[in-house]
């Protein structure tokens, strides 16, 4: 279901697929759709979360303050980071 606040749905979906948070993907997608702004198509050059080790995911979860991270599997950490 399309989100009316997202101006470039395709860019948003691609960024989410690559591991960007909902907020970051929305900011980049909306900036991409704005002719006055010139953001890159993707955010950073980091690989998708699936390529990260569990320790790297844990550290990222710790950095952004995700509760319960010590009991999470790799897939749960990825899901928590994407939905944070």
N, C-alpha and C. Protein backbone atom coordinates (compact mmCIF):
# COMPACT_ATOMS: atom_id res chain seq x y z
N UNK A 1 0.85 -1.18 0.00
CA UNK A 1 0.00 0.00 0.00
C UNK A 1 0.89 1.24 0.00
N UNK A 2 0.75 2.11 -0.99
CA UNK A 2 1.58 3.31 -1.08
C UNK A 2 1.37 4.25 0.11
N UNK A 3 2.41 4.93 0.49
CA UNK A 3 2.37 5.90 1.58
C UNK A 3 2.38 7.28 0.95
N UNK A 4 1.34 8.07 1.20
CA UNK A 4 1.22 9.38 0.56
C UNK A 4 2.32 10.36 0.99
N UNK A 5 2.99 10.10 2.12
CA UNK A 5 4.06 11.01 2.54
C UNK A 5 5.39 10.69 1.85
N UNK A 6 5.46 9.57 1.15
CA UNK A 6 6.67 9.20 0.41
C UNK A 6 6.52 9.69 -1.02
N UNK A 7 7.44 10.55 -1.45
CA UNK A 7 7.33 11.16 -2.78
C UNK A 7 7.94 10.30 -3.89
N UNK A 8 8.87 9.41 -3.54
CA UNK A 8 9.50 8.53 -4.53
C UNK A 8 9.48 7.12 -3.95
N UNK A 9 8.36 6.43 -4.15
CA UNK A 9 8.13 5.11 -3.55
C UNK A 9 9.18 4.08 -3.98
N UNK A 10 9.61 4.14 -5.23
CA UNK A 10 10.59 3.18 -5.73
C UNK A 10 11.93 3.31 -5.00
N UNK A 11 12.40 4.54 -4.84
CA UNK A 11 13.64 4.79 -4.12
C UNK A 11 13.50 4.34 -2.67
N UNK A 12 12.34 4.66 -2.06
CA UNK A 12 12.09 4.28 -0.67
C UNK A 12 12.18 2.76 -0.50
N UNK A 13 11.52 2.01 -1.38
CA UNK A 13 11.53 0.55 -1.27
C UNK A 13 12.94 -0.01 -1.45
N UNK A 14 13.70 0.54 -2.38
CA UNK A 14 15.07 0.07 -2.63
C UNK A 14 15.96 0.35 -1.41
N UNK A 15 15.82 1.51 -0.82
CA UNK A 15 16.61 1.84 0.36
C UNK A 15 16.26 0.94 1.53
N UNK A 16 14.97 0.65 1.72
CA UNK A 16 14.54 -0.24 2.80
C UNK A 16 15.10 -1.64 2.58
N UNK A 17 15.07 -2.09 1.32
CA UNK A 17 15.62 -3.41 0.97
C UNK A 17 17.10 -3.49 1.29
N UNK A 18 17.79 -2.37 1.13
CA UNK A 18 19.23 -2.31 1.39
C UNK A 18 19.58 -2.06 2.85
N UNK A 19 18.57 -1.96 3.70
CA UNK A 19 18.84 -1.85 5.14
C UNK A 19 18.62 -0.50 5.77
N UNK A 20 18.18 0.49 5.02
CA UNK A 20 17.93 1.80 5.61
C UNK A 20 16.71 1.76 6.51
N UNK A 21 16.73 2.55 7.57
CA UNK A 21 15.56 2.65 8.45
C UNK A 21 14.42 3.33 7.68
N UNK A 22 13.22 3.20 8.19
CA UNK A 22 12.06 3.82 7.55
C UNK A 22 12.26 5.33 7.43
N UNK A 23 12.74 5.94 8.51
CA UNK A 23 12.93 7.40 8.54
C UNK A 23 13.98 7.85 7.52
N UNK A 24 15.12 7.15 7.51
CA UNK A 24 16.19 7.52 6.60
C UNK A 24 15.75 7.33 5.15
N UNK A 25 15.11 6.20 4.86
CA UNK A 25 14.65 5.92 3.50
C UNK A 25 13.65 6.98 3.05
N UNK A 26 12.75 7.38 3.93
CA UNK A 26 11.76 8.40 3.58
C UNK A 26 12.44 9.75 3.31
N UNK A 27 13.42 10.11 4.15
CA UNK A 27 14.12 11.39 3.94
C UNK A 27 14.83 11.41 2.59
N UNK A 28 15.54 10.32 2.28
CA UNK A 28 16.29 10.27 1.02
C UNK A 28 15.34 10.24 -0.17
N UNK A 29 14.29 9.42 -0.09
CA UNK A 29 13.34 9.31 -1.20
C UNK A 29 12.65 10.64 -1.46
N UNK A 30 12.26 11.34 -0.40
CA UNK A 30 11.59 12.62 -0.58
C UNK A 30 12.56 13.68 -1.11
N UNK A 31 13.81 13.65 -0.67
CA UNK A 31 14.80 14.59 -1.19
C UNK A 31 15.09 14.28 -2.66
N UNK A 32 15.12 13.00 -3.00
CA UNK A 32 15.36 12.58 -4.39
C UNK A 32 14.25 13.12 -5.30
N UNK A 33 13.04 13.15 -4.81
CA UNK A 33 11.90 13.61 -5.60
C UNK A 33 11.83 15.13 -5.71
N UNK A 34 12.59 15.84 -4.88
CA UNK A 34 12.58 17.30 -4.87
C UNK A 34 13.62 17.81 -5.87
N UNK A 35 13.19 18.53 -6.88
CA UNK A 35 14.09 19.05 -7.91
C UNK A 35 15.14 20.02 -7.38
N UNK A 36 14.89 20.61 -6.22
CA UNK A 36 15.84 21.57 -5.64
C UNK A 36 16.96 20.89 -4.85
N UNK A 37 16.85 19.59 -4.65
CA UNK A 37 17.86 18.86 -3.88
C UNK A 37 18.54 17.84 -4.79
N UNK A 38 19.77 17.47 -4.46
CA UNK A 38 20.52 16.53 -5.28
C UNK A 38 21.17 15.43 -4.46
N UNK A 39 20.39 14.65 -3.70
CA UNK A 39 20.99 13.57 -2.92
C UNK A 39 21.40 12.42 -3.83
N UNK A 40 22.32 11.58 -3.34
CA UNK A 40 22.64 10.38 -4.11
C UNK A 40 21.44 9.45 -4.05
N UNK A 41 21.36 8.52 -4.97
CA UNK A 41 20.22 7.61 -5.03
C UNK A 41 20.13 6.77 -3.76
N UNK A 42 21.28 6.33 -3.27
CA UNK A 42 21.31 5.55 -2.04
C UNK A 42 22.00 6.37 -0.97
N UNK A 43 21.77 5.99 0.27
CA UNK A 43 22.41 6.68 1.38
C UNK A 43 23.91 6.45 1.35
N UNK A 44 24.40 5.62 2.24
CA UNK A 44 25.82 5.35 2.30
C UNK A 44 26.21 4.18 1.41
N UNK A 45 27.44 3.77 1.55
CA UNK A 45 27.96 2.65 0.75
C UNK A 45 28.05 1.38 1.58
N UNK A 46 27.40 1.35 2.73
CA UNK A 46 27.45 0.16 3.58
C UNK A 46 26.72 -1.00 2.91
N UNK A 47 27.24 -2.21 3.09
CA UNK A 47 26.56 -3.38 2.51
C UNK A 47 25.24 -3.63 3.23
N UNK A 48 24.33 -4.37 2.62
CA UNK A 48 23.07 -4.69 3.30
C UNK A 48 23.32 -5.46 4.59
N UNK A 49 22.42 -5.35 5.52
CA UNK A 49 22.58 -5.98 6.83
C UNK A 49 22.84 -7.48 6.72
N UNK A 50 22.31 -8.14 5.72
CA UNK A 50 22.51 -9.59 5.58
C UNK A 50 23.99 -9.95 5.43
N UNK A 51 24.80 -9.01 4.98
CA UNK A 51 26.23 -9.25 4.81
C UNK A 51 27.03 -8.91 6.07
N UNK A 52 26.40 -8.32 7.07
CA UNK A 52 27.07 -7.98 8.31
C UNK A 52 27.17 -9.23 9.19
N UNK A 53 28.18 -9.26 10.07
CA UNK A 53 28.25 -10.34 11.05
C UNK A 53 27.25 -10.03 12.17
N UNK A 54 26.94 -11.06 12.96
CA UNK A 54 26.03 -10.84 14.08
C UNK A 54 26.64 -9.83 15.07
N UNK A 55 27.94 -9.89 15.27
CA UNK A 55 28.61 -8.94 16.18
C UNK A 55 28.48 -7.50 15.67
N UNK A 56 28.62 -7.32 14.37
CA UNK A 56 28.46 -5.97 13.79
C UNK A 56 27.02 -5.48 13.95
N UNK A 57 26.07 -6.38 13.73
CA UNK A 57 24.66 -6.02 13.90
C UNK A 57 24.37 -5.66 15.36
N UNK A 58 24.94 -6.44 16.28
CA UNK A 58 24.76 -6.17 17.70
C UNK A 58 25.30 -4.79 18.06
N UNK A 59 26.49 -4.48 17.57
CA UNK A 59 27.10 -3.17 17.85
C UNK A 59 26.24 -2.03 17.31
N UNK A 60 25.69 -2.21 16.11
CA UNK A 60 24.81 -1.19 15.53
C UNK A 60 23.54 -1.05 16.36
N UNK A 61 22.98 -2.18 16.78
CA UNK A 61 21.77 -2.15 17.62
C UNK A 61 22.05 -1.45 18.94
N UNK A 62 23.24 -1.68 19.48
CA UNK A 62 23.64 -1.02 20.73
C UNK A 62 23.76 0.49 20.50
N UNK A 63 24.36 0.86 19.39
CA UNK A 63 24.57 2.28 19.07
C UNK A 63 23.25 3.03 18.94
N UNK A 64 22.24 2.39 18.35
CA UNK A 64 20.96 3.08 18.16
C UNK A 64 19.99 2.83 19.31
N UNK A 65 20.39 2.02 20.29
CA UNK A 65 19.59 1.86 21.51
C UNK A 65 18.44 0.88 21.39
N UNK A 66 18.62 -0.24 20.72
CA UNK A 66 17.57 -1.25 20.61
C UNK A 66 17.60 -2.13 21.85
N UNK A 67 16.49 -2.18 22.57
CA UNK A 67 16.38 -3.00 23.77
C UNK A 67 16.23 -4.47 23.41
N UNK A 68 16.75 -5.35 24.25
CA UNK A 68 16.62 -6.79 24.07
C UNK A 68 17.56 -7.36 23.03
N UNK A 69 18.51 -6.58 22.58
CA UNK A 69 19.40 -7.02 21.50
C UNK A 69 20.26 -8.22 21.86
N UNK A 70 20.60 -8.38 23.14
CA UNK A 70 21.48 -9.48 23.53
C UNK A 70 20.82 -10.84 23.36
N UNK A 71 19.49 -10.89 23.34
CA UNK A 71 18.77 -12.15 23.17
C UNK A 71 18.32 -12.39 21.74
N UNK A 72 18.67 -11.48 20.81
CA UNK A 72 18.18 -11.58 19.44
C UNK A 72 19.10 -12.40 18.55
N UNK A 73 18.48 -13.10 17.59
CA UNK A 73 19.24 -13.80 16.55
C UNK A 73 19.67 -12.77 15.51
N UNK A 74 20.48 -13.20 14.57
CA UNK A 74 20.93 -12.30 13.51
C UNK A 74 19.72 -11.74 12.74
N UNK A 75 18.78 -12.60 12.37
CA UNK A 75 17.59 -12.14 11.64
C UNK A 75 16.76 -11.17 12.46
N UNK A 76 16.65 -11.42 13.76
CA UNK A 76 15.90 -10.51 14.63
C UNK A 76 16.60 -9.16 14.75
N UNK A 77 17.93 -9.17 14.81
CA UNK A 77 18.68 -7.91 14.85
C UNK A 77 18.46 -7.11 13.57
N UNK A 78 18.50 -7.79 12.43
CA UNK A 78 18.27 -7.12 11.14
C UNK A 78 16.89 -6.49 11.14
N UNK A 79 15.90 -7.25 11.54
CA UNK A 79 14.51 -6.74 11.56
C UNK A 79 14.39 -5.55 12.52
N UNK A 80 14.99 -5.64 13.69
CA UNK A 80 14.93 -4.56 14.67
C UNK A 80 15.62 -3.30 14.13
N UNK A 81 16.76 -3.46 13.46
CA UNK A 81 17.47 -2.31 12.92
C UNK A 81 16.69 -1.66 11.78
N UNK A 82 16.08 -2.46 10.96
CA UNK A 82 15.31 -1.90 9.83
C UNK A 82 14.05 -1.19 10.30
N UNK A 83 13.52 -1.60 11.42
CA UNK A 83 12.26 -1.01 11.90
C UNK A 83 12.46 -0.01 13.02
N UNK A 84 13.70 0.33 13.28
CA UNK A 84 14.00 1.28 14.36
C UNK A 84 13.77 2.70 13.88
